[in-house]
Structures are given as C-alpha cells and as structure tokens.
C-alpha cells in the first residue's frame, strides 16, 4: 500500500520541485526540504501551487 501511495505522490513531488519559479517566498523556502526528499513538504508545495492556479483561473473566468 505504501508503494502505491508513494507512486501516486511522485508526480506531484516532481512537479513541486521543478525548476520553475515558485509564486511565494514561503514556498521558495520550502523547496530545499522538498529537494532533500521530504515528500510531505513536496506535497504541500504542490497543493499550494495547484490551489493558487485554480484560484487564478477562477478569477480570470469571473472577470470576463
């Protein structure tokens, strides 16, 4: 079961630790821990980035 969960989190972790610029200072400070292998931090970064993108897309749709 643990392997299944880890395999599902791997894409999220890799996306969170990518080379693009993170939107907030707090997330940039978390990046070294993610790069060091802390999957919980990687998941937190990925969740925060996904939430910010969703909110931005919603605001863009409602502003039209």
PDB file of N, CA and C in Angstrom:
ATOM      1  N   UNK A   1       0.827  -1.193   0.000  1.00  0.00           N
ATOM      2  CA  UNK A   1       0.000   0.000   0.000  1.00  0.00           C
ATOM      3  C   UNK A   1       0.873   1.260   0.000  1.00  0.00           C
ATOM      4  N   UNK A   2       1.952   1.225   0.775  1.00  0.00           N
ATOM      5  CA  UNK A   2       2.828   2.386   0.854  1.00  0.00           C
ATOM      6  C   UNK A   2       3.450   2.688  -0.513  1.00  0.00           C
ATOM      7  N   UNK A   3       3.795   1.648  -1.264  1.00  0.00           N
ATOM      8  CA  UNK A   3       4.373   1.847  -2.586  1.00  0.00           C
ATOM      9  C   UNK A   3       3.370   2.497  -3.531  1.00  0.00           C
ATOM     10  N   UNK A   4       2.109   2.117  -3.403  1.00  0.00           N
ATOM     11  CA  UNK A   4       1.077   2.694  -4.257  1.00  0.00           C
ATOM     12  C   UNK A   4       0.922   4.178  -3.951  1.00  0.00           C
ATOM     13  N   UNK A   5       0.869   4.520  -2.676  1.00  0.00           N
ATOM     14  CA  UNK A   5       0.730   5.921  -2.277  1.00  0.00           C
ATOM     15  C   UNK A   5       1.942   6.722  -2.747  1.00  0.00           C
ATOM     16  N   UNK A   6       3.120   6.175  -2.574  1.00  0.00           N
ATOM     17  CA  UNK A   6       4.338   6.873  -2.992  1.00  0.00           C
ATOM     18  C   UNK A   6       4.352   7.061  -4.513  1.00  0.00           C
ATOM     19  N   UNK A   7       3.891   6.064  -5.257  1.00  0.00           N
ATOM     20  CA  UNK A   7       3.889   6.199  -6.715  1.00  0.00           C
ATOM     21  C   UNK A   7       2.866   7.230  -7.169  1.00  0.00           C
ATOM     22  N   UNK A   8       1.797   7.406  -6.407  1.00  0.00           N
ATOM     23  CA  UNK A   8       0.814   8.432  -6.745  1.00  0.00           C
ATOM     24  C   UNK A   8       1.310   9.826  -6.384  1.00  0.00           C
ATOM     25  N   UNK A   9       2.134   9.919  -5.357  1.00  0.00           N
ATOM     26  CA  UNK A   9       2.663  11.212  -4.935  1.00  0.00           C
ATOM     27  C   UNK A   9       3.899  11.635  -5.728  1.00  0.00           C
ATOM     28  N   UNK A  10       4.539  10.696  -6.393  1.00  0.00           N
ATOM     29  CA  UNK A  10       5.781  11.008  -7.111  1.00  0.00           C
ATOM     30  C   UNK A  10       5.598  12.112  -8.157  1.00  0.00           C
ATOM     31  N   UNK A  11       4.572  12.054  -9.013  1.00  0.00           N
ATOM     32  CA  UNK A  11       4.425  13.150  -9.984  1.00  0.00           C
ATOM     33  C   UNK A  11       4.197  14.503  -9.312  1.00  0.00           C
ATOM     34  N   UNK A  12       3.449  14.492  -8.246  1.00  0.00           N
ATOM     35  CA  UNK A  12       3.214  15.727  -7.501  1.00  0.00           C
ATOM     36  C   UNK A  12       4.517  16.253  -6.911  1.00  0.00           C
ATOM     37  N   UNK A  13       5.295  15.369  -6.348  1.00  0.00           N
ATOM     38  CA  UNK A  13       6.574  15.771  -5.759  1.00  0.00           C
ATOM     39  C   UNK A  13       7.525  16.310  -6.818  1.00  0.00           C
ATOM     40  N   UNK A  14       7.571  15.657  -7.958  1.00  0.00           N
ATOM     41  CA  UNK A  14       8.459  16.121  -9.027  1.00  0.00           C
ATOM     42  C   UNK A  14       7.997  17.461  -9.583  1.00  0.00           C
ATOM     43  N   UNK A  15       6.710  17.642  -9.680  1.00  0.00           N
ATOM     44  CA  UNK A  15       6.185  18.922 -10.174  1.00  0.00           C
ATOM     45  C   UNK A  15       6.495  20.040  -9.192  1.00  0.00           C
ATOM     46  N   UNK A  16       6.380  19.747  -7.913  1.00  0.00           N
ATOM     47  CA  UNK A  16       6.625  20.770  -6.896  1.00  0.00           C
ATOM     48  C   UNK A  16       8.094  21.150  -6.831  1.00  0.00           C
ATOM     49  N   UNK A  17       8.975  20.228  -7.138  1.00  0.00           N
ATOM     50  CA  UNK A  17      10.409  20.506  -7.054  1.00  0.00           C
ATOM     51  C   UNK A  17      10.994  20.902  -8.401  1.00  0.00           C
ATOM     52  N   UNK A  18      10.148  21.263  -9.342  1.00  0.00           N
ATOM     53  CA  UNK A  18      10.609  21.632 -10.671  1.00  0.00           C
ATOM     54  C   UNK A  18      11.443  22.902 -10.639  1.00  0.00           C
ATOM     55  N   UNK A  19      11.936  23.275 -11.787  1.00  0.00           N
ATOM     56  CA  UNK A  19      12.845  24.414 -11.860  1.00  0.00           C
ATOM     57  C   UNK A  19      12.120  25.748 -12.048  1.00  0.00           C
ATOM     58  N   UNK A  20      10.783  25.733 -12.189  1.00  0.00           N
ATOM     59  CA  UNK A  20      10.076  27.000 -12.360  1.00  0.00           C
ATOM     60  C   UNK A  20      10.084  27.787 -11.047  1.00  0.00           C
ATOM     61  N   UNK A  21       9.836  29.070 -11.168  1.00  0.00           N
ATOM     62  CA  UNK A  21       9.857  29.953 -10.000  1.00  0.00           C
ATOM     63  C   UNK A  21       8.569  29.786  -9.206  1.00  0.00           C
ATOM     64  N   UNK A  22       8.693  29.519  -7.920  1.00  0.00           N
ATOM     65  CA  UNK A  22       7.525  29.372  -7.061  1.00  0.00           C
ATOM     66  C   UNK A  22       6.945  30.753  -6.750  1.00  0.00           C
ATOM     67  N   UNK A  23       5.628  30.856  -6.628  1.00  0.00           N
ATOM     68  CA  UNK A  23       4.980  32.160  -6.542  1.00  0.00           C
ATOM     69  C   UNK A  23       5.165  32.926  -5.235  1.00  0.00           C
ATOM     70  N   UNK A  24       5.474  32.260  -4.141  1.00  0.00           N
ATOM     71  CA  UNK A  24       5.608  32.982  -2.876  1.00  0.00           C
ATOM     72  C   UNK A  24       6.940  32.651  -2.203  1.00  0.00           C
ATOM     73  N   UNK A  25       7.369  33.549  -1.341  1.00  0.00           N
ATOM     74  CA  UNK A  25       8.623  33.352  -0.610  1.00  0.00           C
ATOM     75  C   UNK A  25       8.537  32.122   0.294  1.00  0.00           C
ATOM     76  N   UNK A  26       7.389  31.918   0.896  1.00  0.00           N
ATOM     77  CA  UNK A  26       7.211  30.758   1.783  1.00  0.00           C
ATOM     78  C   UNK A  26       7.445  29.454   1.030  1.00  0.00           C
ATOM     79  N   UNK A  27       6.910  29.353  -0.179  1.00  0.00           N
ATOM     80  CA  UNK A  27       7.104  28.141  -0.973  1.00  0.00           C
ATOM     81  C   UNK A  27       8.557  27.998  -1.418  1.00  0.00           C
ATOM     82  N   UNK A  28       9.205  29.116  -1.757  1.00  0.00           N
ATOM     83  CA  UNK A  28      10.623  29.055  -2.142  1.00  0.00           C
ATOM     84  C   UNK A  28      11.486  28.575  -0.976  1.00  0.00           C
ATOM     85  N   UNK A  29      11.120  28.933   0.243  1.00  0.00           N
ATOM     86  CA  UNK A  29      11.877  28.486   1.415  1.00  0.00           C
ATOM     87  C   UNK A  29      11.668  26.997   1.678  1.00  0.00           C
ATOM     88  N   UNK A  30      10.538  26.455   1.245  1.00  0.00           N
ATOM     89  CA  UNK A  30      10.243  25.036   1.451  1.00  0.00           C
ATOM     90  C   UNK A  30      10.931  24.147   0.416  1.00  0.00           C
ATOM     91  N   UNK A  31      11.335  24.720  -0.716  1.00  0.00           N
ATOM     92  CA  UNK A  31      11.883  23.937  -1.820  1.00  0.00           C
ATOM     93  C   UNK A  31      13.112  23.101  -1.448  1.00  0.00           C
ATOM     94  N   UNK A  32      14.076  23.627  -0.662  1.00  0.00           N
ATOM     95  CA  UNK A  32      15.233  22.780  -0.320  1.00  0.00           C
ATOM     96  C   UNK A  32      14.845  21.505   0.438  1.00  0.00           C
ATOM     97  N   UNK A  33      13.846  21.592   1.298  1.00  0.00           N
ATOM     98  CA  UNK A  33      13.403  20.397   2.025  1.00  0.00           C
ATOM     99  C   UNK A  33      12.795  19.388   1.060  1.00  0.00           C
ATOM    100  N   UNK A  34      12.053  19.891   0.086  1.00  0.00           N
ATOM    101  CA  UNK A  34      11.467  19.008  -0.925  1.00  0.00           C
ATOM    102  C   UNK A  34      12.571  18.349  -1.749  1.00  0.00           C
ATOM    103  N   UNK A  35      13.537  19.146  -2.174  1.00  0.00           N
ATOM    104  CA  UNK A  35      14.650  18.608  -2.959  1.00  0.00           C
ATOM    105  C   UNK A  35      15.460  17.599  -2.157  1.00  0.00           C
ATOM    106  N   UNK A  36      15.446  17.753  -0.824  1.00  0.00           N
ATOM    107  CA  UNK A  36      16.147  16.826   0.052  1.00  0.00           C
ATOM    108  C   UNK A  36      15.413  15.519   0.267  1.00  0.00           C
ATOM    109  N   UNK A  37      14.190  15.412  -0.248  1.00  0.00           N
ATOM    110  CA  UNK A  37      13.470  14.145  -0.169  1.00  0.00           C
ATOM    111  C   UNK A  37      12.291  14.115   0.782  1.00  0.00           C
ATOM    112  N   UNK A  38      11.916  15.242   1.349  1.00  0.00           N
ATOM    113  CA  UNK A  38      10.765  15.287   2.263  1.00  0.00           C
ATOM    114  C   UNK A  38       9.489  15.364   1.430  1.00  0.00           C
ATOM    115  N   UNK A  39       8.850  14.211   1.227  1.00  0.00           N
ATOM    116  CA  UNK A  39       7.688  14.147   0.358  1.00  0.00           C
ATOM    117  C   UNK A  39       6.493  14.910   0.907  1.00  0.00           C
ATOM    118  N   UNK A  40       6.387  15.043   2.212  1.00  0.00           N
ATOM    119  CA  UNK A  40       5.282  15.808   2.791  1.00  0.00           C
ATOM    120  C   UNK A  40       5.393  17.274   2.399  1.00  0.00           C
ATOM    121  N   UNK A  41       6.602  17.803   2.415  1.00  0.00           N
ATOM    122  CA  UNK A  41       6.820  19.190   2.005  1.00  0.00           C
ATOM    123  C   UNK A  41       6.541  19.331   0.510  1.00  0.00           C
ATOM    124  N   UNK A  42       6.969  18.367  -0.284  1.00  0.00           N
ATOM    125  CA  UNK A  42       6.704  18.403  -1.724  1.00  0.00           C
ATOM    126  C   UNK A  42       5.199  18.414  -1.989  1.00  0.00           C
ATOM    127  N   UNK A  43       4.462  17.601  -1.254  1.00  0.00           N
ATOM    128  CA  UNK A  43       3.010  17.565  -1.410  1.00  0.00           C
ATOM    129  C   UNK A  43       2.392  18.897  -1.008  1.00  0.00           C
ATOM    130  N   UNK A  44       2.888  19.502   0.060  1.00  0.00           N
ATOM    131  CA  UNK A  44       2.380  20.810   0.488  1.00  0.00           C
ATOM    132  C   UNK A  44       2.625  21.867  -0.587  1.00  0.00           C
ATOM    133  N   UNK A  45       3.808  21.861  -1.170  1.00  0.00           N
ATOM    134  CA  UNK A  45       4.129  22.821  -2.226  1.00  0.00           C
ATOM    135  C   UNK A  45       3.212  22.596  -3.430  1.00  0.00           C
ATOM    136  N   UNK A  46       3.088  21.357  -3.838  1.00  0.00           N
ATOM    137  CA  UNK A  46       2.235  21.034  -4.980  1.00  0.00           C
ATOM    138  C   UNK A  46       0.797  21.437  -4.758  1.00  0.00           C
ATOM    139  N   UNK A  47       0.289  21.176  -3.557  1.00  0.00           N
ATOM    140  CA  UNK A  47      -1.088  21.546  -3.236  1.00  0.00           C
ATOM    141  C   UNK A  47      -1.264  23.060  -3.274  1.00  0.00           C
ATOM    142  N   UNK A  48      -0.324  23.790  -2.697  1.00  0.00           N
ATOM    143  CA  UNK A  48      -0.425  25.252  -2.660  1.00  0.00           C
ATOM    144  C   UNK A  48      -0.375  25.838  -4.071  1.00  0.00           C
ATOM    145  N   UNK A  49       0.524  25.332  -4.907  1.00  0.00           N
ATOM    146  CA  UNK A  49       0.647  25.835  -6.277  1.00  0.00           C
ATOM    147  C   UNK A  49      -0.628  25.516  -7.056  1.00  0.00           C
ATOM    148  N   UNK A  50      -1.143  24.298  -6.913  1.00  0.00           N
ATOM    149  CA  UNK A  50      -2.365  23.912  -7.616  1.00  0.00           C
ATOM    150  C   UNK A  50      -3.536  24.781  -7.170  1.00  0.00           C
ATOM    151  N   UNK A  51      -3.637  25.046  -5.877  1.00  0.00           N
ATOM    152  CA  UNK A  51      -4.720  25.873  -5.356  1.00  0.00           C
ATOM    153  C   UNK A  51      -4.615  27.307  -5.894  1.00  0.00           C
ATOM    154  N   UNK A  52      -3.412  27.850  -5.933  1.00  0.00           N
ATOM    155  CA  UNK A  52      -3.228  29.210  -6.456  1.00  0.00           C
ATOM    156  C   UNK A  52      -3.581  29.289  -7.935  1.00  0.00           C
ATOM    157  N   UNK A  53      -3.220  28.267  -8.701  1.00  0.00           N
ATOM    158  CA  UNK A  53      -3.559  28.254 -10.122  1.00  0.00           C
ATOM    159  C   UNK A  53      -5.065  28.149 -10.325  1.00  0.00           C
ATOM    160  N   UNK A  54      -5.724  27.328  -9.508  1.00  0.00           N
ATOM    161  CA  UNK A  54      -7.172  27.184  -9.597  1.00  0.00           C
ATOM    162  C   UNK A  54      -7.866  28.496  -9.272  1.00  0.00           C
ATOM    163  N   UNK A  55      -7.399  29.156  -8.213  1.00  0.00           N
ATOM    164  CA  UNK A  55      -7.985  30.437  -7.842  1.00  0.00           C
ATOM    165  C   UNK A  55      -7.762  31.488  -8.924  1.00  0.00           C
ATOM    166  N   UNK A  56      -6.583  31.513  -9.512  1.00  0.00           N
ATOM    167  CA  UNK A  56      -6.291  32.476 -10.573  1.00  0.00           C
ATOM    168  C   UNK A  56      -7.169  32.213 -11.797  1.00  0.00           C
ATOM    169  N   UNK A  57      -7.360  30.947 -12.148  1.00  0.00           N
ATOM    170  CA  UNK A  57      -8.212  30.609 -13.286  1.00  0.00           C
ATOM    171  C   UNK A  57      -9.662  31.005 -13.006  1.00  0.00           C
ATOM    172  N   UNK A  58     -10.122  30.781 -11.789  1.00  0.00           N
ATOM    173  CA  UNK A  58     -11.486  31.171 -11.416  1.00  0.00           C
ATOM    174  C   UNK A  58     -11.659  32.682 -11.510  1.00  0.00           C
ATOM    175  N   UNK A  59     -10.700  33.421 -10.982  1.00  0.00           N
ATOM    176  CA  UNK A  59     -10.784  34.880 -11.037  1.00  0.00           C
ATOM    177  C   UNK A  59     -10.752  35.398 -12.469  1.00  0.00           C
ATOM    178  N   UNK A  60      -9.971  34.754 -13.312  1.00  0.00           N
ATOM    179  CA  UNK A  60      -9.906  35.151 -14.722  1.00  0.00           C
ATOM    180  C   UNK A  60     -11.251  34.893 -15.425  1.00  0.00           C
ATOM    181  N   UNK A  61     -11.888  33.773 -15.094  1.00  0.00           N
ATOM    182  CA  UNK A  61     -13.187  33.461 -15.702  1.00  0.00           C
ATOM    183  C   UNK A  61     -14.266  34.420 -15.230  1.00  0.00           C
ATOM    184  N   UNK A  62     -14.250  34.761 -13.956  1.00  0.00           N
ATOM    185  CA  UNK A  62     -15.311  35.617 -13.428  1.00  0.00           C
ATOM    186  C   UNK A  62     -15.095  37.079 -13.780  1.00  0.00           C
ATOM    187  N   UNK A  63     -13.885  37.474 -14.155  1.00  0.00           N
ATOM    188  CA  UNK A  63     -13.595  38.857 -14.506  1.00  0.00           C
ATOM    189  C   UNK A  63     -14.049  39.195 -15.923  1.00  0.00           C
ATOM    190  N   UNK A  64     -14.306  38.185 -16.714  1.00  0.00           N
ATOM    191  CA  UNK A  64     -14.680  38.414 -18.123  1.00  0.00           C
ATOM    192  C   UNK A  64     -16.089  38.902 -18.268  1.00  0.00           C
TER     193      UNK A  64
END
